[in-house]
Amino acid sequence: MELECIVRQTADTPDALVIWLHGLGASGSDFVPAIAHLGLPEASAIRFVFPNAPAIPITINAGYLMPGWYDIVALSERRDFNVPQLRASSLAIKELIDLHVEAGIDSKRIILAGFSQGGAVAYETALRYEKPLGGVLALSTYFPTAERMIISTANRATPIEIHHGFRDEMVTERMAKEAQNDLFRLGFRPAYRRYAMGHEVCMPQLKDIGAFFSKVLAL
């Protein structure tokens, strides 16, 4: 799968990378405006890459074509979803990481961030990746492949932060807590932040996202 990506940089020669995955029916452009509100240090040198998911039929939306990382068949707590499609998306993101590592960015300075479906792909990709990554930011998401996960030795200590709205009716907070419990079971110690919001991103959260990026990348 070859992905179209939107790229923004905070400096001409970036030494760090954030790959930020959108949710179902959205696009890579959705999170581009967030960069200006992260409160990053002026000296930060980060490349932000916002991939666009391909348009695919989505069963829960009557089979309509829309940008999606994988098909969702039913809205159960774990979601009834197309596993091969999720893994294909994960492979595409892995290849994107590989390209940047080959271009000279240290894998330890790469963060995967994902909203909703994008977060599920971020979990699947980061925890299996064969080189150590900087961190994972899981936004309003869940961990549907937790039971099938084989953790890469390189990423057993990767920092993970979960953000979720306690008014989220699309991906309930219970699903986020289940993801947190799955991560504990797998040996991680994820941080958890909750916000007075629905299935979205809020302004106070953006400062916390910036703080996570700054901490992980030692900015």
Protein backbone atom coordinates (compact mmCIF):
# COMPACT_ATOMS: atom_id res chain seq x y z
CA MET A 1 0.00 0.00 0.00
CA GLU A 2 1.50 3.32 -1.09
CA LEU A 3 0.26 6.20 1.02
CA GLU A 4 -0.17 9.85 0.12
CA CYS A 5 1.20 11.96 2.96
CA ILE A 6 1.07 15.57 4.07
CA VAL A 7 4.42 16.69 5.46
CA ARG A 8 5.20 19.66 7.70
CA GLN A 9 8.49 20.50 9.42
CA THR A 10 9.43 22.78 12.31
CA ALA A 11 12.98 23.16 10.90
CA ASP A 12 14.78 22.67 7.59
CA THR A 13 16.82 19.71 8.87
CA PRO A 14 14.59 17.69 11.21
CA ASP A 15 16.13 15.15 13.55
CA ALA A 16 12.84 13.70 14.82
CA LEU A 17 9.65 12.36 13.27
CA VAL A 18 6.00 12.21 14.28
CA ILE A 19 3.71 10.05 12.14
CA TRP A 20 0.13 11.03 12.98
CA LEU A 21 -2.72 8.77 11.77
CA HIS A 22 -6.27 10.06 11.32
CA GLY A 23 -9.52 8.28 12.09
CA LEU A 24 -12.22 6.70 9.93
CA GLY A 25 -13.66 9.00 7.27
CA ALA A 26 -11.11 11.73 7.94
CA SER A 27 -7.86 12.72 6.25
CA GLY A 28 -4.26 13.55 7.02
CA SER A 29 -5.06 17.26 6.83
CA ASP A 30 -7.25 17.09 9.95
CA PHE A 31 -4.36 17.30 12.40
CA VAL A 32 -2.07 19.66 10.50
CA PRO A 33 -3.47 22.76 12.29
CA ALA A 34 -2.68 21.13 15.66
CA ILE A 35 1.05 21.71 15.22
CA ALA A 36 0.70 25.44 15.93
CA HIS A 37 -0.99 24.73 19.28
CA LEU A 38 1.42 22.13 20.71
CA GLY A 39 3.66 24.66 22.45
CA LEU A 40 6.83 23.04 21.14
CA PRO A 41 10.17 24.74 21.82
CA GLU A 42 11.25 27.09 19.03
CA ALA A 43 14.42 25.07 18.57
CA SER A 44 12.54 21.82 17.90
CA ALA A 45 13.37 20.14 14.59
CA ILE A 46 10.50 17.73 13.92
CA ARG A 47 9.08 16.37 10.69
CA PHE A 48 5.34 15.71 10.98
CA VAL A 49 3.94 13.20 8.51
CA PHE A 50 0.17 12.86 8.15
CA PRO A 51 -0.67 9.85 5.93
CA ASN A 52 -3.99 9.60 4.11
CA ALA A 53 -5.76 6.25 4.40
CA PRO A 54 -7.13 4.77 1.15
CA ALA A 55 -10.86 4.91 0.40
CA ILE A 56 -12.42 1.52 1.16
CA PRO A 57 -15.99 0.18 1.63
CA ILE A 58 -17.02 0.39 5.29
CA THR A 59 -19.61 -2.20 6.29
CA ILE A 60 -21.06 -0.29 9.28
CA ASN A 61 -21.68 2.66 6.92
CA ALA A 62 -23.67 0.63 4.38
CA GLY A 63 -20.56 -0.19 2.38
CA TYR A 64 -19.88 3.42 1.39
CA LEU A 65 -16.36 4.26 0.27
CA MET A 66 -14.48 6.43 2.71
CA PRO A 67 -10.93 6.87 3.99
CA GLY A 68 -10.24 4.00 6.37
CA TRP A 69 -7.34 1.96 7.67
CA TYR A 70 -9.57 -1.14 7.82
CA ASP A 71 -13.20 -2.17 7.48
CA ILE A 72 -15.40 -2.33 10.59
CA VAL A 73 -18.10 -4.97 10.33
CA ALA A 74 -19.87 -4.40 13.66
CA LEU A 75 -19.60 -1.95 16.56
CA SER A 76 -18.87 -4.38 19.38
CA GLU A 77 -16.64 -3.32 22.28
CA ARG A 78 -13.61 -4.94 20.62
CA ARG A 79 -15.00 -4.14 17.15
CA ASP A 80 -15.61 -6.80 14.52
CA PHE A 81 -13.01 -5.69 12.00
CA ASN A 82 -11.01 -6.81 8.98
CA VAL A 83 -7.74 -8.08 10.45
CA PRO A 84 -5.82 -8.43 7.14
CA GLN A 85 -6.66 -4.82 6.24
CA LEU A 86 -5.46 -3.53 9.61
CA ARG A 87 -2.22 -5.47 9.21
CA ALA A 88 -1.77 -4.18 5.65
CA SER A 89 -2.15 -0.62 6.95
CA SER A 90 0.32 -1.39 9.71
CA LEU A 91 2.80 -2.69 7.14
CA ALA A 92 2.42 0.50 5.10
CA ILE A 93 3.22 2.59 8.19
CA LYS A 94 6.18 0.33 8.99
CA GLU A 95 7.52 0.94 5.51
CA LEU A 96 7.07 4.67 6.04
CA ILE A 97 9.11 4.45 9.26
CA ASP A 98 11.77 2.41 7.47
CA LEU A 99 12.13 5.08 4.79
CA HIS A 100 12.82 7.77 7.37
CA VAL A 101 15.23 5.58 9.33
CA GLU A 102 17.11 4.85 6.11
CA ALA A 103 17.18 8.62 5.46
CA GLY A 104 18.97 9.17 8.77
CA ILE A 105 16.39 9.72 11.51
CA ASP A 106 17.15 7.64 14.60
CA SER A 107 14.25 5.24 15.27
CA LYS A 108 14.35 6.30 18.95
CA ARG A 109 13.31 9.77 17.80
CA ILE A 110 10.20 8.57 16.01
CA ILE A 111 6.75 8.81 17.60
CA LEU A 112 3.59 7.16 16.30
CA ALA A 113 0.38 9.03 17.10
CA GLY A 114 -3.05 7.83 16.08
CA PHE A 115 -6.66 8.92 16.53
CA SER A 116 -9.42 6.28 16.72
CA GLN A 117 -8.76 3.77 13.89
CA GLY A 118 -5.36 5.41 13.44
CA GLY A 119 -4.55 4.63 17.06
CA ALA A 120 -5.34 0.95 16.56
CA VAL A 121 -2.88 0.91 13.64
CA ALA A 122 -0.31 2.80 15.73
CA TYR A 123 -0.50 0.15 18.48
CA GLU A 124 -0.16 -2.69 15.97
CA THR A 125 2.78 -1.05 14.20
CA ALA A 126 4.81 0.31 17.09
CA LEU A 127 4.64 -2.72 19.36
CA ARG A 128 5.76 -5.06 16.58
CA TYR A 129 8.43 -2.79 15.08
CA GLU A 130 11.88 -4.39 15.17
CA LYS A 131 13.79 -1.23 16.17
CA PRO A 132 13.22 0.88 19.31
CA LEU A 133 10.80 3.76 18.78
CA GLY A 134 10.46 6.96 20.77
CA GLY A 135 6.85 6.60 21.84
CA VAL A 136 3.19 5.95 21.08
CA LEU A 137 0.36 8.46 21.52
CA ALA A 138 -3.07 6.79 21.52
CA LEU A 139 -5.88 9.31 20.99
CA SER A 140 -9.53 8.36 21.52
CA THR A 141 -8.75 4.82 20.45
CA TYR A 142 -8.77 1.14 21.37
CA PHE A 143 -6.47 -1.87 21.01
CA PRO A 144 -8.33 -4.46 18.90
CA THR A 145 -5.28 -6.65 18.21
CA ALA A 146 -4.18 -6.96 21.84
CA GLU A 147 -4.98 -10.67 22.04
CA ARG A 148 -2.92 -11.36 18.89
CA MET A 149 0.00 -9.11 19.76
CA ILE A 150 3.57 -10.36 19.75
CA ILE A 151 5.71 -7.59 21.23
CA SER A 152 9.03 -6.78 19.63
CA THR A 153 11.89 -7.05 22.11
CA ALA A 154 13.06 -3.62 20.92
CA ASN A 155 9.84 -1.91 22.02
CA ARG A 156 9.03 -3.53 25.34
CA ALA A 157 9.86 -0.30 27.17
CA THR A 158 8.44 2.20 24.67
CA PRO A 159 6.63 5.12 26.38
CA ILE A 160 2.88 5.08 25.71
CA GLU A 161 0.36 7.78 26.55
CA ILE A 162 -3.40 7.32 26.23
CA HIS A 163 -5.75 10.31 25.84
CA HIS A 164 -9.52 9.87 25.95
CA GLY A 165 -12.70 11.89 26.41
CA PHE A 166 -15.06 10.72 29.12
CA ARG A 167 -17.97 11.92 26.96
CA ASP A 168 -16.89 9.82 23.97
CA GLU A 169 -19.84 7.78 22.71
CA MET A 170 -18.13 6.54 19.54
CA VAL A 171 -15.15 4.86 21.21
CA THR A 172 -16.18 4.62 24.83
CA GLU A 173 -13.80 5.27 27.69
CA ARG A 174 -14.34 1.68 28.73
CA MET A 175 -12.59 0.65 25.50
CA ALA A 176 -9.65 2.92 26.31
CA LYS A 177 -9.42 1.46 29.81
CA GLU A 178 -9.46 -2.05 28.33
CA ALA A 179 -6.57 -1.01 26.11
CA GLN A 180 -4.73 0.29 29.15
CA ASN A 181 -5.32 -2.99 30.99
CA ASP A 182 -4.13 -4.97 27.96
CA LEU A 183 -0.96 -2.88 27.88
CA PHE A 184 -0.38 -3.51 31.60
CA ARG A 185 -0.82 -7.23 30.93
CA LEU A 186 1.77 -7.01 28.15
CA GLY A 187 4.26 -5.35 30.49
CA PHE A 188 3.82 -1.66 29.65
CA ARG A 189 3.06 1.20 32.03
CA PRO A 190 1.02 3.58 29.90
CA ALA A 191 0.14 7.05 31.15
CA TYR A 192 -3.57 7.91 30.95
CA ARG A 193 -5.16 11.33 30.53
CA ARG A 194 -8.91 11.96 30.35
CA TYR A 195 -10.69 15.05 29.09
CA ALA A 196 -14.18 16.59 29.16
CA MET A 197 -14.80 15.92 25.46
CA GLY A 198 -16.39 13.50 23.03
CA HIS A 199 -14.74 11.77 20.07
CA GLU A 200 -12.45 14.66 19.27
CA VAL A 201 -9.37 16.60 20.32
CA CYS A 202 -9.59 19.61 22.63
CA MET A 203 -7.32 22.61 23.16
CA PRO A 204 -6.07 21.68 26.68
CA GLN A 205 -5.16 18.26 25.29
CA LEU A 206 -2.98 19.78 22.57
CA LYS A 207 -0.66 21.22 25.22
CA ASP A 208 -0.40 17.76 26.79
CA ILE A 209 0.38 16.27 23.37
CA GLY A 210 3.14 18.83 22.91
CA ALA A 211 4.47 18.04 26.38
CA PHE A 212 4.57 14.31 25.55
CA PHE A 213 6.44 14.98 22.31
CA SER A 214 8.88 17.27 24.14
CA LYS A 215 9.48 14.75 26.92
CA VAL A 216 9.99 11.76 24.64
CA LEU A 217 12.25 13.68 22.27
CA ALA A 218 14.06 15.53 25.09
CA LEU A 219 13.35 18.93 23.51
